[in-house]
PDB file of N, CA and C in Angstrom:
ATOM      1  N   MET A   1      77.187 105.167 104.805  1.00  0.00           N
ATOM      2  CA  MET A   1      76.322 105.696 106.182  1.00  0.00           C
ATOM      3  C   MET A   1      76.544 107.082 106.177  1.00  0.00           C
ATOM      4  N   SER A   2      75.595 108.254 106.613  1.00  0.00           N
ATOM      5  CA  SER A   2      75.360 109.458 106.984  1.00  0.00           C
ATOM      6  C   SER A   2      75.785 109.596 108.787  1.00  0.00           C
ATOM      7  N   SER A   3      76.511 110.221 108.471  1.00  0.00           N
ATOM      8  CA  SER A   3      76.282 110.688 109.954  1.00  0.00           C
ATOM      9  C   SER A   3      76.043 112.279 110.615  1.00  0.00           C
ATOM     10  N   ASP A   4      76.134 112.668 111.472  1.00  0.00           N
ATOM     11  CA  ASP A   4      75.695 113.583 112.945  1.00  0.00           C
ATOM     12  C   ASP A   4      76.721 114.863 111.579  1.00  0.00           C
ATOM     13  N   HIS A   5      77.536 114.496 111.479  1.00  0.00           N
ATOM     14  CA  HIS A   5      78.524 115.397 110.603  1.00  0.00           C
ATOM     15  C   HIS A   5      78.085 115.842 109.726  1.00  0.00           C
ATOM     16  N   ASP A   6      77.857 114.895 108.606  1.00  0.00           N
ATOM     17  CA  ASP A   6      77.063 115.286 107.348  1.00  0.00           C
ATOM     18  C   ASP A   6      75.978 116.205 107.524  1.00  0.00           C
ATOM     19  N   LEU A   7      75.044 116.030 108.160  1.00  0.00           N
ATOM     20  CA  LEU A   7      74.017 117.092 108.419  1.00  0.00           C
ATOM     21  C   LEU A   7      74.720 118.451 108.991  1.00  0.00           C
ATOM     22  N   VAL A   8      75.641 118.356 109.773  1.00  0.00           N
ATOM     23  CA  VAL A   8      76.700 119.893 110.086  1.00  0.00           C
ATOM     24  C   VAL A   8      76.928 120.543 108.977  1.00  0.00           C
ATOM     25  N   ALA A   9      77.586 119.376 108.296  1.00  0.00           N
ATOM     26  CA  ALA A   9      78.561 120.266 106.786  1.00  0.00           C
ATOM     27  C   ALA A   9      77.474 120.679 106.000  1.00  0.00           C
ATOM     28  N   LEU A  10      76.223 119.786 105.916  1.00  0.00           N
ATOM     29  CA  LEU A  10      75.025 120.471 105.203  1.00  0.00           C
ATOM     30  C   LEU A  10      74.284 121.848 105.695  1.00  0.00           C
ATOM     31  N   ARG A  11      74.371 122.140 106.653  1.00  0.00           N
ATOM     32  CA  ARG A  11      73.880 123.148 107.493  1.00  0.00           C
ATOM     33  C   ARG A  11      74.592 124.323 107.332  1.00  0.00           C
ATOM     34  N   ASP A  12      76.249 123.929 107.527  1.00  0.00           N
ATOM     35  CA  ASP A  12      77.261 125.056 107.217  1.00  0.00           C
ATOM     36  C   ASP A  12      77.114 125.746 105.715  1.00  0.00           C
ATOM     37  N   THR A  13      76.733 124.479 104.571  1.00  0.00           N
ATOM     38  CA  THR A  13      76.894 125.165 103.240  1.00  0.00           C
ATOM     39  C   THR A  13      75.969 125.440 102.771  1.00  0.00           C
ATOM     40  N   LEU A  14      74.288 125.557 103.623  1.00  0.00           N
ATOM     41  CA  LEU A  14      73.348 126.228 103.302  1.00  0.00           C
ATOM     42  C   LEU A  14      73.685 127.537 104.021  1.00  0.00           C
ATOM     43  N   ARG A  15      74.107 127.516 104.810  1.00  0.00           N
ATOM     44  CA  ARG A  15      74.165 129.398 105.591  1.00  0.00           C
ATOM     45  C   ARG A  15      75.501 129.607 104.861  1.00  0.00           C
ATOM     46  N   ASP A  16      76.480 129.398 104.068  1.00  0.00           N
ATOM     47  CA  ASP A  16      77.491 129.832 103.205  1.00  0.00           C
ATOM     48  C   ASP A  16      76.356 129.977 101.978  1.00  0.00           C
ATOM     49  N   PHE A  17      75.958 129.173 101.315  1.00  0.00           N
ATOM     50  CA  PHE A  17      74.973 129.252 100.056  1.00  0.00           C
ATOM     51  C   PHE A  17      74.554 130.789 100.237  1.00  0.00           C
ATOM     52  N   SER A  18      72.838 130.786 101.891  1.00  0.00           N
ATOM     53  CA  SER A  18      71.975 131.550 101.797  1.00  0.00           C
ATOM     54  C   SER A  18      73.147 132.925 102.065  1.00  0.00           C
ATOM     55  N   ALA A  19      74.226 133.137 102.418  1.00  0.00           N
ATOM     56  CA  ALA A  19      74.892 134.639 102.794  1.00  0.00           C
ATOM     57  C   ALA A  19      75.275 135.104 101.780  1.00  0.00           C
ATOM     58  N   ALA A  20      75.884 134.310 101.365  1.00  0.00           N
ATOM     59  CA  ALA A  20      76.696 134.638  99.629  1.00  0.00           C
ATOM     60  C   ALA A  20      75.579 135.393  98.948  1.00  0.00           C
ATOM     61  N   ARG A  21      74.630 135.023  99.064  1.00  0.00           N
ATOM     62  CA  ARG A  21      73.495 135.250  98.156  1.00  0.00           C
ATOM     63  C   ARG A  21      72.713 136.583  98.611  1.00  0.00           C
ATOM     64  N   GLY A  22      72.814 136.865 100.014  1.00  0.00           N
ATOM     65  CA  GLY A  22      72.453 137.879 100.776  1.00  0.00           C
ATOM     66  C   GLY A  22      70.718 137.556 101.207  1.00  0.00           C
ATOM     67  N   TRP A  23      70.222 135.964 101.378  1.00  0.00           N
ATOM     68  CA  TRP A  23      69.025 135.536 101.386  1.00  0.00           C
ATOM     69  C   TRP A  23      68.746 135.683 103.052  1.00  0.00           C
ATOM     70  N   ARG A  24      70.085 135.541 103.948  1.00  0.00           N
ATOM     71  CA  ARG A  24      69.824 135.014 105.243  1.00  0.00           C
ATOM     72  C   ARG A  24      68.592 136.181 106.014  1.00  0.00           C
ATOM     73  N   VAL A  25      68.429 137.297 105.492  1.00  0.00           N
ATOM     74  CA  VAL A  25      67.882 138.267 106.186  1.00  0.00           C
ATOM     75  C   VAL A  25      65.830 137.657 105.869  1.00  0.00           C
ATOM     76  N   TYR A  26      66.060 136.789 104.566  1.00  0.00           N
ATOM     77  CA  TYR A  26      64.557 136.295 104.921  1.00  0.00           C
ATOM     78  C   TYR A  26      64.262 134.348 105.405  1.00  0.00           C
ATOM     79  N   HIS A  27      65.574 134.286 105.417  1.00  0.00           N
ATOM     80  CA  HIS A  27      65.190 132.908 106.614  1.00  0.00           C
ATOM     81  C   HIS A  27      64.787 132.940 107.862  1.00  0.00           C
ATOM     82  N   THR A  28      63.680 133.852 107.944  1.00  0.00           N
ATOM     83  CA  THR A  28      63.293 133.713 109.521  1.00  0.00           C
ATOM     84  C   THR A  28      62.340 132.120 109.819  1.00  0.00           C
ATOM     85  N   PRO A  29      62.006 131.923 110.877  1.00  0.00           N
ATOM     86  CA  PRO A  29      61.260 130.795 110.780  1.00  0.00           C
ATOM     87  C   PRO A  29      60.113 130.698 109.608  1.00  0.00           C
ATOM     88  N   LYS A  30      59.110 131.568 109.919  1.00  0.00           N
ATOM     89  CA  LYS A  30      57.984 131.657 109.236  1.00  0.00           C
ATOM     90  C   LYS A  30      58.191 131.443 107.985  1.00  0.00           C
ATOM     91  N   ASN A  31      59.023 132.013 107.290  1.00  0.00           N
ATOM     92  CA  ASN A  31      59.162 132.091 106.145  1.00  0.00           C
ATOM     93  C   ASN A  31      59.794 130.750 105.426  1.00  0.00           C
ATOM     94  N   LEU A  32      60.653 130.368 106.329  1.00  0.00           N
ATOM     95  CA  LEU A  32      61.115 128.612 106.280  1.00  0.00           C
ATOM     96  C   LEU A  32      59.960 127.425 106.271  1.00  0.00           C
ATOM     97  N   ALA A  33      59.439 127.881 106.985  1.00  0.00           N
ATOM     98  CA  ALA A  33      57.939 127.183 107.531  1.00  0.00           C
ATOM     99  C   ALA A  33      56.933 126.705 106.235  1.00  0.00           C
ATOM    100  N   MET A  34      56.736 128.047 105.876  1.00  0.00           N
ATOM    101  CA  MET A  34      56.065 128.083 104.213  1.00  0.00           C
ATOM    102  C   MET A  34      56.735 127.407 103.253  1.00  0.00           C
ATOM    103  N   ALA A  35      57.848 127.708 102.892  1.00  0.00           N
ATOM    104  CA  ALA A  35      58.750 127.279 101.885  1.00  0.00           C
ATOM    105  C   ALA A  35      59.206 125.883 102.542  1.00  0.00           C
ATOM    106  N   LEU A  36      59.010 125.357 102.980  1.00  0.00           N
ATOM    107  CA  LEU A  36      59.190 123.405 103.523  1.00  0.00           C
ATOM    108  C   LEU A  36      57.725 123.347 103.149  1.00  0.00           C
ATOM    109  N   ILE A  37      56.891 123.664 103.602  1.00  0.00           N
ATOM    110  CA  ILE A  37      55.766 122.760 103.319  1.00  0.00           C
ATOM    111  C   ILE A  37      55.374 123.293 101.208  1.00  0.00           C
ATOM    112  N   VAL A  38      55.643 124.353 100.751  1.00  0.00           N
ATOM    113  CA  VAL A  38      55.519 124.408  99.469  1.00  0.00           C
ATOM    114  C   VAL A  38      55.973 123.795  98.437  1.00  0.00           C
ATOM    115  N   GLU A  39      57.139 123.413  99.465  1.00  0.00           N
ATOM    116  CA  GLU A  39      58.353 121.964  98.532  1.00  0.00           C
ATOM    117  C   GLU A  39      57.476 120.809  98.975  1.00  0.00           C
ATOM    118  N   ALA A  40      57.166 120.964 100.187  1.00  0.00           N
ATOM    119  CA  ALA A  40      56.625 119.364 100.165  1.00  0.00           C
ATOM    120  C   ALA A  40      55.464 118.691  99.427  1.00  0.00           C
ATOM    121  N   ALA A  41      54.469 120.190  99.307  1.00  0.00           N
ATOM    122  CA  ALA A  41      53.097 120.149  98.129  1.00  0.00           C
ATOM    123  C   ALA A  41      53.949 119.815  97.048  1.00  0.00           C
ATOM    124  N   GLU A  42      54.744 120.087  96.375  1.00  0.00           N
ATOM    125  CA  GLU A  42      55.313 120.075  94.799  1.00  0.00           C
ATOM    126  C   GLU A  42      55.648 118.365  94.760  1.00  0.00           C
ATOM    127  N   LEU A  43      56.318 117.536  96.177  1.00  0.00           N
ATOM    128  CA  LEU A  43      56.909 116.441  96.129  1.00  0.00           C
ATOM    129  C   LEU A  43      55.239 115.746  95.930  1.00  0.00           C
ATOM    130  N   VAL A  44      54.616 115.995  96.830  1.00  0.00           N
ATOM    131  CA  VAL A  44      53.327 115.107  96.756  1.00  0.00           C
ATOM    132  C   VAL A  44      52.501 115.083  95.672  1.00  0.00           C
ATOM    133  N   GLU A  45      52.878 116.339  94.350  1.00  0.00           N
ATOM    134  CA  GLU A  45      52.337 116.188  93.151  1.00  0.00           C
ATOM    135  C   GLU A  45      52.829 115.196  92.395  1.00  0.00           C
ATOM    136  N   HIS A  46      53.814 115.039  92.616  1.00  0.00           N
ATOM    137  CA  HIS A  46      54.175 113.449  92.061  1.00  0.00           C
ATOM    138  C   HIS A  46      53.866 112.487  91.806  1.00  0.00           C
ATOM    139  N   PHE A  47      53.121 112.377  92.973  1.00  0.00           N
ATOM    140  CA  PHE A  47      52.383 111.050  93.555  1.00  0.00           C
ATOM    141  C   PHE A  47      50.808 110.925  93.681  1.00  0.00           C
ATOM    142  N   GLN A  48      50.359 112.026  93.351  1.00  0.00           N
ATOM    143  CA  GLN A  48      49.359 112.405  93.004  1.00  0.00           C
ATOM    144  C   GLN A  48      48.342 111.404  92.072  1.00  0.00           C
ATOM    145  N   TRP A  49      47.751 110.956  92.603  1.00  0.00           N
ATOM    146  CA  TRP A  49      46.545 109.759  91.813  1.00  0.00           C
ATOM    147  C   TRP A  49      47.210 108.564  91.026  1.00  0.00           C
ATOM    148  N   ALA A  50      48.810 108.077  91.612  1.00  0.00           N
ATOM    149  CA  ALA A  50      49.579 107.194  91.499  1.00  0.00           C
ATOM    150  C   ALA A  50      48.789 105.786  92.215  1.00  0.00           C
ATOM    151  N   THR A  51      49.306 104.465  91.547  1.00  0.00           N
ATOM    152  CA  THR A  51      48.184 103.902  92.484  1.00  0.00           C
ATOM    153  C   THR A  51      49.878 103.467  93.436  1.00  0.00           C
ATOM    154  N   PRO A  52      49.753 102.379  94.771  1.00  0.00           N
ATOM    155  CA  PRO A  52      50.819 101.824  95.296  1.00  0.00           C
ATOM    156  C   PRO A  52      52.249 101.268  94.466  1.00  0.00           C
ATOM    157  N   GLU A  53      51.952 100.697  93.487  1.00  0.00           N
ATOM    158  CA  GLU A  53      52.600  99.962  92.607  1.00  0.00           C
ATOM    159  C   GLU A  53      53.727 101.193  91.292  1.00  0.00           C
ATOM    160  N   GLU A  54      52.590 102.276  90.883  1.00  0.00           N
ATOM    161  CA  GLU A  54      53.461 103.422  90.198  1.00  0.00           C
ATOM    162  C   GLU A  54      54.385 104.066  90.994  1.00  0.00           C
ATOM    163  N   SER A  55      53.830 104.410  92.229  1.00  0.00           N
ATOM    164  CA  SER A  55      54.737 105.504  93.186  1.00  0.00           C
ATOM    165  C   SER A  55      55.453 104.312  93.340  1.00  0.00           C
ATOM    166  N   SER A  56      55.648 103.229  93.525  1.00  0.00           N
ATOM    167  CA  SER A  56      57.076 102.378  93.948  1.00  0.00           C
ATOM    168  C   SER A  56      57.766 102.272  92.665  1.00  0.00           C
ATOM    169  N   ALA A  57      57.652 102.658  92.105  1.00  0.00           N
ATOM    170  CA  ALA A  57      58.602 101.798  90.281  1.00  0.00           C
ATOM    171  C   ALA A  57      58.150 103.042  89.418  1.00  0.00           C
ATOM    172  N   LEU A  58      59.109 104.379  89.509  1.00  0.00           N
ATOM    173  CA  LEU A  58      59.164 105.652  89.058  1.00  0.00           C
ATOM    174  C   LEU A  58      60.343 105.355  88.074  1.00  0.00           C
ATOM    175  N   ALA A  59      59.535 106.202  86.959  1.00  0.00           N
ATOM    176  CA  ALA A  59      60.677 106.313  85.788  1.00  0.00           C
ATOM    177  C   ALA A  59      61.975 106.962  86.040  1.00  0.00           C
ATOM    178  N   PRO A  60      63.019 106.702  85.497  1.00  0.00           N
ATOM    179  CA  PRO A  60      64.081 107.687  85.686  1.00  0.00           C
ATOM    180  C   PRO A  60      63.697 108.777  85.772  1.00  0.00           C
ATOM    181  N   ASP A  61      63.539 109.399  84.794  1.00  0.00           N
ATOM    182  CA  ASP A  61      63.303 110.939  84.900  1.00  0.00           C
ATOM    183  C   ASP A  61      62.084 111.250  86.083  1.00  0.00           C
ATOM    184  N   LYS A  62      61.098 110.717  86.020  1.00  0.00           N
ATOM    185  CA  LYS A  62      60.382 111.072  87.248  1.00  0.00           C
ATOM    186  C   LYS A  62      61.340 110.885  88.339  1.00  0.00           C
ATOM    187  N   ALA A  63      61.953 109.739  88.963  1.00  0.00           N
ATOM    188  CA  ALA A  63      62.780 109.531  89.776  1.00  0.00           C
ATOM    189  C   ALA A  63      63.718 111.359  90.181  1.00  0.00           C
ATOM    190  N   ALA A  64      64.198 111.557  89.199  1.00  0.00           N
ATOM    191  CA  ALA A  64      65.119 112.671  88.970  1.00  0.00           C
ATOM    192  C   ALA A  64      64.236 114.034  90.072  1.00  0.00           C
ATOM    193  N   GLU A  65      62.776 113.811  89.377  1.00  0.00           N
ATOM    194  CA  GLU A  65      61.893 115.314  89.537  1.00  0.00           C
ATOM    195  C   GLU A  65      61.995 115.038  91.160  1.00  0.00           C
ATOM    196  N   VAL A  66      61.775 113.862  91.529  1.00  0.00           N
ATOM    197  CA  VAL A  66      61.413 113.415  93.042  1.00  0.00           C
ATOM    198  C   VAL A  66      62.388 113.736  93.871  1.00  0.00           C
ATOM    199  N   ALA A  67      63.845 113.135  93.433  1.00  0.00           N
ATOM    200  CA  ALA A  67      64.545 113.566  94.083  1.00  0.00           C
ATOM    201  C   ALA A  67      64.982 114.985  94.562  1.00  0.00           C
ATOM    202  N   ASP A  68      64.572 115.654  93.443  1.00  0.00           N
ATOM    203  CA  ASP A  68      65.251 117.219  93.179  1.00  0.00           C
ATOM    204  C   ASP A  68      63.909 117.876  94.514  1.00  0.00           C
ATOM    205  N   GLU A  69      62.731 117.611  94.670  1.00  0.00           N
ATOM    206  CA  GLU A  69      61.810 117.657  95.278  1.00  0.00           C
ATOM    207  C   GLU A  69      62.166 117.494  96.763  1.00  0.00           C
ATOM    208  N   VAL A  70      62.935 116.154  96.775  1.00  0.00           N
ATOM    209  CA  VAL A  70      63.141 115.875  98.335  1.00  0.00           C
ATOM    210  C   VAL A  70      64.536 116.547  98.699  1.00  0.00           C
ATOM    211  N   ALA A  71      65.353 116.711  97.907  1.00  0.00           N
ATOM    212  CA  ALA A  71      66.108 117.630  98.184  1.00  0.00           C
ATOM    213  C   ALA A  71      65.591 119.134  98.864  1.00  0.00           C
ATOM    214  N   ASP A  72      65.117 119.534  97.905  1.00  0.00           N
ATOM    215  CA  ASP A  72      64.264 121.084  98.361  1.00  0.00           C
ATOM    216  C   ASP A  72      63.628 121.041 100.224  1.00  0.00           C
ATOM    217  N   VAL A  73      62.934 119.851 100.148  1.00  0.00           N
ATOM    218  CA  VAL A  73      62.098 119.866 101.579  1.00  0.00           C
ATOM    219  C   VAL A  73      63.767 119.610 102.288  1.00  0.00           C
ATOM    220  N   LEU A  74      64.618 118.782 102.388  1.00  0.00           N
ATOM    221  CA  LEU A  74      65.538 118.438 103.553  1.00  0.00           C
ATOM    222  C   LEU A  74      66.247 119.686 103.512  1.00  0.00           C
ATOM    223  N   ILE A  75      66.877 120.663 102.243  1.00  0.00           N
ATOM    224  CA  ILE A  75      67.340 122.169 102.663  1.00  0.00           C
ATOM    225  C   ILE A  75      66.314 123.020 103.242  1.00  0.00           C
ATOM    226  N   PHE A  76      65.017 122.676 103.347  1.00  0.00           N
ATOM    227  CA  PHE A  76      64.437 123.735 104.071  1.00  0.00           C
ATOM    228  C   PHE A  76      64.453 123.164 105.631  1.00  0.00           C
ATOM    229  N   LEU A  77      63.770 122.288 105.433  1.00  0.00           N
ATOM    230  CA  LEU A  77      63.971 122.053 107.375  1.00  0.00           C
ATOM    231  C   LEU A  77      65.457 121.842 107.382  1.00  0.00           C
ATOM    232  N   VAL A  78      66.513 121.754 106.812  1.00  0.00           N
ATOM    233  CA  VAL A  78      67.906 121.931 108.003  1.00  0.00           C
ATOM    234  C   VAL A  78      67.698 123.233 108.149  1.00  0.00           C
ATOM    235  N   GLU A  79      67.379 124.111 106.917  1.00  0.00           N
ATOM    236  CA  GLU A  79      67.294 125.348 107.652  1.00  0.00           C
ATOM    237  C   GLU A  79      66.049 126.563 108.453  1.00  0.00           C
ATOM    238  N   LEU A  80      65.510 125.472 108.588  1.00  0.00           N
ATOM    239  CA  LEU A  80      64.236 125.820 109.144  1.00  0.00           C
ATOM    240  C   LEU A  80      65.213 125.751 110.904  1.00  0.00           C
ATOM    241  N   ALA A  81      65.642 124.184 111.004  1.00  0.00           N
ATOM    242  CA  ALA A  81      65.770 123.914 112.235  1.00  0.00           C
ATOM    243  C   ALA A  81      67.069 124.722 112.484  1.00  0.00           C
ATOM    244  N   ASP A  82      67.943 125.435 112.054  1.00  0.00           N
ATOM    245  CA  ASP A  82      69.059 126.157 112.061  1.00  0.00           C
ATOM    246  C   ASP A  82      68.408 127.229 112.981  1.00  0.00           C
ATOM    247  N   ALA A  83      67.757 128.295 111.909  1.00  0.00           N
ATOM    248  CA  ALA A  83      67.104 129.174 112.326  1.00  0.00           C
ATOM    249  C   ALA A  83      66.210 128.947 114.115  1.00  0.00           C
ATOM    250  N   LEU A  84      65.725 127.898 114.116  1.00  0.00           N
ATOM    251  CA  LEU A  84      65.363 127.549 115.631  1.00  0.00           C
ATOM    252  C   LEU A  84      66.225 127.112 116.387  1.00  0.00           C
ATOM    253  N   GLY A  85      67.264 126.933 115.817  1.00  0.00           N
ATOM    254  CA  GLY A  85      68.277 126.463 116.965  1.00  0.00           C
ATOM    255  C   GLY A  85      68.185 124.903 117.812  1.00  0.00           C
ATOM    256  N   ILE A  86      67.343 124.050 116.709  1.00  0.00           N
ATOM    257  CA  ILE A  86      67.171 122.503 116.901  1.00  0.00           C
ATOM    258  C   ILE A  86      68.316 121.560 116.494  1.00  0.00           C
ATOM    259  N   ASP A  87      68.822 120.791 117.050  1.00  0.00           N
ATOM    260  CA  ASP A  87      69.768 119.781 116.569  1.00  0.00           C
ATOM    261  C   ASP A  87      68.637 118.730 115.693  1.00  0.00           C
ATOM    262  N   LEU A  88      69.002 118.611 114.464  1.00  0.00           N
ATOM    263  CA  LEU A  88      67.846 117.518 114.075  1.00  0.00           C
ATOM    264  C   LEU A  88      67.890 116.154 114.954  1.00  0.00           C
ATOM    265  N   ILE A  89      69.022 116.011 114.797  1.00  0.00           N
ATOM    266  CA  ILE A  89      69.443 114.525 114.722  1.00  0.00           C
ATOM    267  C   ILE A  89      68.912 113.975 116.216  1.00  0.00           C
ATOM    268  N   GLU A  90      69.347 114.891 117.165  1.00  0.00           N
ATOM    269  CA  GLU A  90      68.930 114.756 118.464  1.00  0.00           C
ATOM    270  C   GLU A  90      67.139 114.904 119.063  1.00  0.00           C
ATOM    271  N   ALA A  91      66.300 115.673 117.811  1.00  0.00           N
ATOM    272  CA  ALA A  91      65.419 116.226 118.004  1.00  0.00           C
ATOM    273  C   ALA A  91      64.828 114.735 117.515  1.00  0.00           C
ATOM    274  N   ALA A  92      65.029 114.199 116.285  1.00  0.00           N
ATOM    275  CA  ALA A  92      64.572 112.642 115.737  1.00  0.00           C
ATOM    276  C   ALA A  92      64.921 111.427 116.695  1.00  0.00           C
ATOM    277  N   HIS A  93      65.708 111.645 117.333  1.00  0.00           N
ATOM    278  CA  HIS A  93      66.500 110.469 118.289  1.00  0.00           C
ATOM    279  C   HIS A  93      64.816 110.401 119.788  1.00  0.00           C
ATOM    280  N   ALA A  94      64.894 112.057 120.072  1.00  0.00           N
ATOM    281  CA  ALA A  94      63.957 112.294 120.992  1.00  0.00           C
ATOM    282  C   ALA A  94      62.536 111.759 120.931  1.00  0.00           C
ATOM    283  N   LYS A  95      62.546 111.977 119.541  1.00  0.00           N
ATOM    284  CA  LYS A  95      60.650 111.931 119.062  1.00  0.00           C
ATOM    285  C   LYS A  95      60.820 110.142 118.891  1.00  0.00           C
ATOM    286  N   ILE A  96      61.367 109.508 118.256  1.00  0.00           N
ATOM    287  CA  ILE A  96      61.685 107.863 117.914  1.00  0.00           C
ATOM    288  C   ILE A  96      61.117 107.434 119.602  1.00  0.00           C
ATOM    289  N   ALA A  97      62.209 107.535 120.630  1.00  0.00           N
ATOM    290  CA  ALA A  97      62.021 107.298 122.048  1.00  0.00           C
ATOM    291  C   ALA A  97      60.738 107.371 122.507  1.00  0.00           C
ATOM    292  N   LYS A  98      60.513 108.785 122.037  1.00  0.00           N
ATOM    293  CA  LYS A  98      58.648 108.991 122.047  1.00  0.00           C
ATOM    294  C   LYS A  98      57.686 107.799 121.810  1.00  0.00           C
ATOM    295  N   ASN A  99      58.243 108.155 120.622  1.00  0.00           N
ATOM    296  CA  ASN A  99      57.111 107.109 119.486  1.00  0.00           C
ATOM    297  C   ASN A  99      57.042 105.537 120.078  1.00  0.00           C
ATOM    298  N   ALA A 100      58.113 105.363 121.007  1.00  0.00           N
ATOM    299  CA  ALA A 100      58.655 103.676 121.006  1.00  0.00           C
ATOM    300  C   ALA A 100      57.842 103.772 122.601  1.00  0.00           C
ATOM    301  N   LEU A 101      57.354 104.581 123.224  1.00  0.00           N
ATOM    302  CA  LEU A 101      56.425 104.152 124.356  1.00  0.00           C
ATOM    303  C   LEU A 101      55.388 104.486 123.842  1.00  0.00           C
ATOM    304  N   LYS A 102      54.533 105.176 122.859  1.00  0.00           N
ATOM    305  CA  LYS A 102      53.380 105.702 122.678  1.00  0.00           C
ATOM    306  C   LYS A 102      53.157 104.171 121.785  1.00  0.00           C
ATOM    307  N   TYR A 103      53.719 103.991 120.898  1.00  0.00           N
ATOM    308  CA  TYR A 103      53.663 102.488 120.095  1.00  0.00           C
ATOM    309  C   TYR A 103      54.552 101.705 120.337  1.00  0.00           C
ATOM    310  N   PRO A 104      54.253 100.670 121.526  1.00  0.00           N
ATOM    311  CA  PRO A 104      55.496  99.740 121.733  1.00  0.00           C
ATOM    312  C   PRO A 104      55.437  98.733 120.401  1.00  0.00           C
ATOM    313  N   ALA A 105      56.040  98.127 120.469  1.00  0.00           N
ATOM    314  CA  ALA A 105      55.917  96.768 119.365  1.00  0.00           C
ATOM    315  C   ALA A 105      55.247  95.879 120.203  1.00  0.00           C
ATOM    316  N   PRO A 106      54.647  94.868 119.261  1.00  0.00           N
ATOM    317  CA  PRO A 106      54.050  94.144 119.555  1.00  0.00           C
ATOM    318  C   PRO A 106      55.136  93.028 120.278  1.00  0.00           C
ATOM    319  N   ARG A 107      54.643  91.985 121.193  1.00  0.00           N
ATOM    320  CA  ARG A 107      55.732  90.870 121.742  1.00  0.00           C
ATOM    321  C   ARG A 107      55.601  89.457 120.831  1.00  0.00           C
ATOM    322  N   GLY A 108      56.799  89.214 120.415  1.00  0.00           N
ATOM    323  CA  GLY A 108      56.649  87.698 119.389  1.00  0.00           C
ATOM    324  C   GLY A 108      57.259  88.711 118.218  1.00  0.00           C
ATOM    325  N   LEU A 109      57.669  89.519 118.001  1.00  0.00           N
ATOM    326  CA  LEU A 109      58.030  89.739 116.254  1.00  0.00           C
ATOM    327  C   LEU A 109      59.287  89.589 116.207  1.00  0.00           C
TER     328      LEU A 109
END
């Protein structure tokens, strides 16, 4: 199971990776948000026109391609949050709490 520490370690690894290549100057919130949506679109392409059953039973090579795209989305999301000073874990927990109030679970389930 992952922990908050794992996300911080990933953020730090991405900082080092980008800095070593001189990319940090390009990692503005605007550019990172744009890159995130491009990668999300590449992820969606793998499921376009697939039936629900097909999307749930990917062939191993397709599953590997999807994993790469999911990783790209995560990478840009972590970098965007870092650029904006957002704690992703804290923000996610806050959003879940808001959603729980907005969409309460039915009683008896």
